[in-house]
Amino acid sequence: MKSALKATLASGAGVALLLGGAGSLAYWNDTTVAQPGDLVSGTLTLGDSVCGDWTLDGAQSFDPASDKIVPGDSLTLVCDSTIAIEGKHAAADLSATAAGAVDNLLEDQLTIGATYAIVNSDATTRTPSMDGSTIDLTEADNGKELRATISVGFADAAPNDSKALTAALDDITITATQQHDAS
């Protein structure tokens, strides 16, 4: 009896396997691996500034260690730094700010600004186009010099108690802020 039961079970299992396999259909398949390579981000840096001497009202030499400013004076300082900007859509806005160590009435009367030029390899300059506060600084300017002409003006109508004070312009910082240029 055991042999007959075993034979019946084996036959049933064989039929079930055959019927189950009869309903499947095999497809050929294959895979490939895309190898796009590495992605590397761009860069935006300004090298250390090299500055000339201060001038007063665009012509006279001015030494902040010994000369004094009076209301209506305008000081100018020209500083150059190397531009490193890489990226297909890299662009930058530029701004100048002063960090004063002493907060007093004299500093409140000073206006700080800057204009910029790009110095080409042949020593010619071009003034970047400005659209509001956006400068046309792009990857084409990589390796060129950025010339920042910094101006500090002392208000014409400065109050009387702004006399004999020190404005500590510890650093005038030129900041390049990355923008996306989709053109």
C-alpha atoms as a PDB file:
ATOM      1  CA  MET A   1       0.000   0.000   0.000  1.00  0.00           C
ATOM      2  CA  LYS A   2       2.798   2.324   0.770  1.00  0.00           C
ATOM      3  CA  SER A   3       4.292   1.811  -2.664  1.00  0.00           C
ATOM      4  CA  ALA A   4       1.015   2.553  -4.416  1.00  0.00           C
ATOM      5  CA  LEU A   5       0.529   5.743  -2.371  1.00  0.00           C
ATOM      6  CA  LYS A   6       4.046   6.870  -3.128  1.00  0.00           C
ATOM      7  CA  ALA A   7       3.568   6.224  -6.840  1.00  0.00           C
ATOM      8  CA  THR A   8       0.264   8.160  -6.890  1.00  0.00           C
ATOM      9  CA  LEU A   9       1.799  11.114  -5.054  1.00  0.00           C
ATOM     10  CA  ALA A  10       4.841  11.147  -7.332  1.00  0.00           C
ATOM     11  CA  SER A  11       2.596  11.037 -10.443  1.00  0.00           C
ATOM     12  CA  GLY A  12       0.472  13.892  -9.127  1.00  0.00           C
ATOM     13  CA  ALA A  13       3.514  15.997  -8.339  1.00  0.00           C
ATOM     14  CA  GLY A  14       4.957  15.357 -11.790  1.00  0.00           C
ATOM     15  CA  VAL A  15       1.702  16.348 -13.499  1.00  0.00           C
ATOM     16  CA  ALA A  16       1.485  19.511 -11.359  1.00  0.00           C
ATOM     17  CA  LEU A  17       5.040  20.492 -12.303  1.00  0.00           C
ATOM     18  CA  LEU A  18       4.371  19.901 -15.984  1.00  0.00           C
ATOM     19  CA  LEU A  19       1.160  21.920 -15.924  1.00  0.00           C
ATOM     20  CA  GLY A  20       2.778  24.778 -13.986  1.00  0.00           C
ATOM     21  CA  GLY A  21       5.707  25.009 -16.393  1.00  0.00           C
ATOM     22  CA  ALA A  22       3.434  24.880 -19.432  1.00  0.00           C
ATOM     23  CA  GLY A  23       1.944  28.288 -18.635  1.00  0.00           C
ATOM     24  CA  SER A  24       5.238  30.267 -18.383  1.00  0.00           C
ATOM     25  CA  LEU A  25       6.841  32.091 -21.274  1.00  0.00           C
ATOM     26  CA  ALA A  26      10.534  33.096 -21.281  1.00  0.00           C
ATOM     27  CA  TYR A  27      11.798  36.400 -22.798  1.00  0.00           C
ATOM     28  CA  TRP A  28      15.372  37.228 -23.619  1.00  0.00           C
ATOM     29  CA  ASN A  29      16.815  40.108 -21.653  1.00  0.00           C
ATOM     30  CA  ASP A  30      20.066  41.928 -21.145  1.00  0.00           C
ATOM     31  CA  THR A  31      21.363  44.951 -19.212  1.00  0.00           C
ATOM     32  CA  THR A  32      23.959  47.630 -19.694  1.00  0.00           C
ATOM     33  CA  VAL A  33      25.469  50.130 -17.295  1.00  0.00           C
ATOM     34  CA  ALA A  34      25.598  53.831 -18.230  1.00  0.00           C
ATOM     35  CA  GLN A  35      28.925  55.389 -17.261  1.00  0.00           C
ATOM     36  CA  PRO A  36      28.444  59.160 -17.531  1.00  0.00           C
ATOM     37  CA  GLY A  37      31.700  60.046 -15.755  1.00  0.00           C
ATOM     38  CA  ASP A  38      32.280  62.436 -12.879  1.00  0.00           C
ATOM     39  CA  LEU A  39      30.527  65.753 -12.294  1.00  0.00           C
ATOM     40  CA  VAL A  40      32.780  68.526 -11.023  1.00  0.00           C
ATOM     41  CA  SER A  41      31.453  71.769  -9.576  1.00  0.00           C
ATOM     42  CA  GLY A  42      32.780  75.118 -10.745  1.00  0.00           C
ATOM     43  CA  THR A  43      34.519  77.763  -8.696  1.00  0.00           C
ATOM     44  CA  LEU A  44      34.293  81.427  -7.795  1.00  0.00           C
ATOM     45  CA  THR A  45      37.152  83.030  -5.901  1.00  0.00           C
ATOM     46  CA  LEU A  46      38.914  86.366  -5.792  1.00  0.00           C
ATOM     47  CA  GLY A  47      42.622  86.345  -5.071  1.00  0.00           C
ATOM     48  CA  ASP A  48      44.251  88.555  -2.454  1.00  0.00           C
ATOM     49  CA  SER A  49      43.916  92.263  -3.265  1.00  0.00           C
ATOM     50  CA  VAL A  50      46.944  94.327  -4.139  1.00  0.00           C
ATOM     51  CA  CYS A  51      46.166  98.006  -3.565  1.00  0.00           C
ATOM     52  CA  GLY A  52      47.864 101.196  -4.613  1.00  0.00           C
ATOM     53  CA  ASP A  53      47.883 104.409  -2.583  1.00  0.00           C
ATOM     54  CA  TRP A  54      44.886 106.508  -1.609  1.00  0.00           C
ATOM     55  CA  THR A  55      44.212 109.638  -3.642  1.00  0.00           C
ATOM     56  CA  LEU A  56      42.243 112.700  -2.545  1.00  0.00           C
ATOM     57  CA  ASP A  57      39.701 114.123  -4.976  1.00  0.00           C
ATOM     58  CA  GLY A  58      41.144 111.975  -7.768  1.00  0.00           C
ATOM     59  CA  ALA A  59      44.571 113.565  -7.984  1.00  0.00           C
ATOM     60  CA  GLN A  60      46.397 114.329  -4.732  1.00  0.00           C
ATOM     61  CA  SER A  61      48.254 111.695  -2.763  1.00  0.00           C
ATOM     62  CA  PHE A  62      46.624 110.938   0.588  1.00  0.00           C
ATOM     63  CA  ASP A  63      48.247 109.135   3.525  1.00  0.00           C
ATOM     64  CA  PRO A  64      45.633 108.040   6.099  1.00  0.00           C
ATOM     65  CA  ALA A  65      48.374 107.820   8.754  1.00  0.00           C
ATOM     66  CA  SER A  66      49.096 111.555   8.597  1.00  0.00           C
ATOM     67  CA  ASP A  67      46.481 113.340   6.439  1.00  0.00           C
ATOM     68  CA  LYS A  68      43.029 114.377   7.692  1.00  0.00           C
ATOM     69  CA  ILE A  69      39.781 114.429   5.742  1.00  0.00           C
ATOM     70  CA  VAL A  70      37.195 117.205   5.883  1.00  0.00           C
ATOM     71  CA  PRO A  71      33.556 117.351   4.767  1.00  0.00           C
ATOM     72  CA  GLY A  72      33.273 117.190   0.983  1.00  0.00           C
ATOM     73  CA  ASP A  73      36.470 115.140   0.499  1.00  0.00           C
ATOM     74  CA  SER A  74      36.453 112.091  -1.745  1.00  0.00           C
ATOM     75  CA  LEU A  75      39.110 109.407  -1.382  1.00  0.00           C
ATOM     76  CA  THR A  76      39.900 106.742  -3.980  1.00  0.00           C
ATOM     77  CA  LEU A  77      41.819 103.481  -3.688  1.00  0.00           C
ATOM     78  CA  VAL A  78      42.502 101.092  -6.593  1.00  0.00           C
ATOM     79  CA  CYS A  79      42.895  97.386  -5.776  1.00  0.00           C
ATOM     80  CA  ASP A  80      43.475  94.440  -8.128  1.00  0.00           C
ATOM     81  CA  SER A  81      42.752  90.763  -7.482  1.00  0.00           C
ATOM     82  CA  THR A  82      42.761  87.702  -9.712  1.00  0.00           C
ATOM     83  CA  ILE A  83      39.400  86.251 -10.732  1.00  0.00           C
ATOM     84  CA  ALA A  84      38.819  82.492 -10.668  1.00  0.00           C
ATOM     85  CA  ILE A  85      35.391  81.736 -12.096  1.00  0.00           C
ATOM     86  CA  GLU A  86      34.556  78.441 -13.774  1.00  0.00           C
ATOM     87  CA  GLY A  87      31.227  76.981 -14.808  1.00  0.00           C
ATOM     88  CA  LYS A  88      29.129  77.153 -17.975  1.00  0.00           C
ATOM     89  CA  HIS A  89      26.486  79.345 -16.334  1.00  0.00           C
ATOM     90  CA  ALA A  90      28.689  81.032 -13.719  1.00  0.00           C
ATOM     91  CA  ALA A  91      28.198  84.745 -13.198  1.00  0.00           C
ATOM     92  CA  ALA A  92      28.751  87.033 -10.236  1.00  0.00           C
ATOM     93  CA  ASP A  93      27.515  90.162  -8.520  1.00  0.00           C
ATOM     94  CA  LEU A  94      30.146  92.319  -6.810  1.00  0.00           C
ATOM     95  CA  SER A  95      29.799  94.537  -3.764  1.00  0.00           C
ATOM     96  CA  ALA A  96      32.077  96.498  -1.447  1.00  0.00           C
ATOM     97  CA  THR A  97      31.525  96.911   2.292  1.00  0.00           C
ATOM     98  CA  ALA A  98      33.641  98.325   5.089  1.00  0.00           C
ATOM     99  CA  ALA A  99      33.991  96.804   8.522  1.00  0.00           C
ATOM    100  CA  GLY A 100      34.664  99.560  11.009  1.00  0.00           C
ATOM    101  CA  ALA A 101      35.993  98.820  14.468  1.00  0.00           C
ATOM    102  CA  VAL A 102      34.656 102.057  15.959  1.00  0.00           C
ATOM    103  CA  ASP A 103      31.043 103.097  15.557  1.00  0.00           C
ATOM    104  CA  ASN A 104      30.953 106.887  15.709  1.00  0.00           C
ATOM    105  CA  LEU A 105      29.522 109.914  13.958  1.00  0.00           C
ATOM    106  CA  LEU A 106      32.404 110.141  11.459  1.00  0.00           C
ATOM    107  CA  GLU A 107      31.724 106.629  10.139  1.00  0.00           C
ATOM    108  CA  ASP A 108      28.054 107.569   9.790  1.00  0.00           C
ATOM    109  CA  GLN A 109      29.089 110.426   7.477  1.00  0.00           C
ATOM    110  CA  LEU A 110      31.171 108.254   5.133  1.00  0.00           C
ATOM    111  CA  THR A 111      29.787 106.721   1.964  1.00  0.00           C
ATOM    112  CA  ILE A 112      31.660 103.752   0.553  1.00  0.00           C
ATOM    113  CA  GLY A 113      31.239 102.538  -3.004  1.00  0.00           C
ATOM    114  CA  ALA A 114      33.156 100.812  -5.766  1.00  0.00           C
ATOM    115  CA  THR A 115      33.325 100.562  -9.511  1.00  0.00           C
ATOM    116  CA  TYR A 116      34.872  97.605 -11.296  1.00  0.00           C
ATOM    117  CA  ALA A 117      36.850  96.876 -14.435  1.00  0.00           C
ATOM    118  CA  ILE A 118      38.216  93.668 -15.913  1.00  0.00           C
ATOM    119  CA  VAL A 119      41.885  93.904 -16.930  1.00  0.00           C
ATOM    120  CA  ASN A 120      42.559  91.872 -20.077  1.00  0.00           C
ATOM    121  CA  SER A 121      45.858  90.090 -20.817  1.00  0.00           C
ATOM    122  CA  ASP A 122      46.886  92.930 -23.166  1.00  0.00           C
ATOM    123  CA  ALA A 123      46.439  95.447 -20.276  1.00  0.00           C
ATOM    124  CA  THR A 124      43.291  96.932 -21.801  1.00  0.00           C
ATOM    125  CA  THR A 125      40.288  97.142 -19.534  1.00  0.00           C
ATOM    126  CA  ARG A 126      36.608  96.678 -20.038  1.00  0.00           C
ATOM    127  CA  THR A 127      33.910  97.879 -17.739  1.00  0.00           C
ATOM    128  CA  PRO A 128      31.503  95.057 -17.063  1.00  0.00           C
ATOM    129  CA  SER A 129      27.916  95.831 -17.928  1.00  0.00           C
ATOM    130  CA  MET A 130      25.816  96.478 -14.873  1.00  0.00           C
ATOM    131  CA  ASP A 131      22.132  95.627 -14.624  1.00  0.00           C
ATOM    132  CA  GLY A 132      21.052  97.027 -11.301  1.00  0.00           C
ATOM    133  CA  SER A 133      23.521  95.366  -8.949  1.00  0.00           C
ATOM    134  CA  THR A 134      24.406  92.494 -11.294  1.00  0.00           C
ATOM    135  CA  ILE A 135      27.811  92.531 -12.927  1.00  0.00           C
ATOM    136  CA  ASP A 136      28.626  90.739 -16.139  1.00  0.00           C
ATOM    137  CA  LEU A 137      31.404  88.589 -14.666  1.00  0.00           C
ATOM    138  CA  THR A 138      31.469  85.186 -16.384  1.00  0.00           C
ATOM    139  CA  GLU A 139      33.697  82.190 -17.091  1.00  0.00           C
ATOM    140  CA  ALA A 140      35.339  84.207 -19.883  1.00  0.00           C
ATOM    141  CA  ASP A 141      36.900  86.361 -17.131  1.00  0.00           C
ATOM    142  CA  ASN A 142      38.651  83.398 -15.481  1.00  0.00           C
ATOM    143  CA  GLY A 143      42.304  84.266 -14.758  1.00  0.00           C
ATOM    144  CA  LYS A 144      41.896  87.991 -15.450  1.00  0.00           C
ATOM    145  CA  GLU A 145      42.376  90.793 -12.944  1.00  0.00           C
ATOM    146  CA  LEU A 146      39.440  92.480 -11.269  1.00  0.00           C
ATOM    147  CA  ARG A 147      40.192  96.155 -10.675  1.00  0.00           C
ATOM    148  CA  ALA A 148      38.063  97.624  -7.906  1.00  0.00           C
ATOM    149  CA  THR A 149      38.160 101.399  -7.599  1.00  0.00           C
ATOM    150  CA  ILE A 150      36.961 102.026  -4.069  1.00  0.00           C
ATOM    151  CA  SER A 151      35.621 105.438  -3.167  1.00  0.00           C
ATOM    152  CA  VAL A 152      35.054 106.883   0.287  1.00  0.00           C
ATOM    153  CA  GLY A 153      33.183 110.171   0.443  1.00  0.00           C
ATOM    154  CA  PHE A 154      32.803 112.442   3.461  1.00  0.00           C
ATOM    155  CA  ALA A 155      29.380 114.124   3.473  1.00  0.00           C
ATOM    156  CA  ASP A 156      29.359 117.848   2.546  1.00  0.00           C
ATOM    157  CA  ALA A 157      27.021 118.782   5.375  1.00  0.00           C
ATOM    158  CA  ALA A 158      28.629 116.760   8.168  1.00  0.00           C
ATOM    159  CA  PRO A 159      27.548 117.699  11.696  1.00  0.00           C
ATOM    160  CA  ASN A 160      29.905 119.750  13.839  1.00  0.00           C
ATOM    161  CA  ASP A 161      30.490 116.908  16.293  1.00  0.00           C
ATOM    162  CA  SER A 162      32.075 114.737  13.562  1.00  0.00           C
ATOM    163  CA  LYS A 163      35.364 116.654  14.098  1.00  0.00           C
ATOM    164  CA  ALA A 164      38.531 114.971  15.429  1.00  0.00           C
ATOM    165  CA  LEU A 165      37.115 111.450  15.185  1.00  0.00           C
ATOM    166  CA  THR A 166      38.646 108.292  13.700  1.00  0.00           C
ATOM    167  CA  ALA A 167      36.843 106.032  11.279  1.00  0.00           C
ATOM    168  CA  ALA A 168      38.550 102.655  11.564  1.00  0.00           C
ATOM    169  CA  LEU A 169      38.125 101.097   8.132  1.00  0.00           C
ATOM    170  CA  ASP A 170      39.812  97.868   9.134  1.00  0.00           C
ATOM    171  CA  ASP A 171      38.812  96.058   5.971  1.00  0.00           C
ATOM    172  CA  ILE A 172      37.026  97.013   2.811  1.00  0.00           C
ATOM    173  CA  THR A 173      35.687  93.732   1.568  1.00  0.00           C
ATOM    174  CA  ILE A 174      34.994  93.065  -2.107  1.00  0.00           C
ATOM    175  CA  THR A 175      32.470  90.246  -2.316  1.00  0.00           C
ATOM    176  CA  ALA A 176      31.711  88.201  -5.441  1.00  0.00           C
ATOM    177  CA  THR A 177      28.335  86.476  -5.107  1.00  0.00           C
ATOM    178  CA  GLN A 178      27.603  83.666  -7.547  1.00  0.00           C
ATOM    179  CA  GLN A 179      24.600  84.069  -9.823  1.00  0.00           C
ATOM    180  CA  HIS A 180      23.187  81.684 -12.419  1.00  0.00           C
ATOM    181  CA  ASP A 181      23.527  82.971 -15.984  1.00  0.00           C
ATOM    182  CA  ALA A 182      21.319  80.851 -18.225  1.00  0.00           C
ATOM    183  CA  SER A 183      22.362  82.614 -21.436  1.00  0.00           C
END
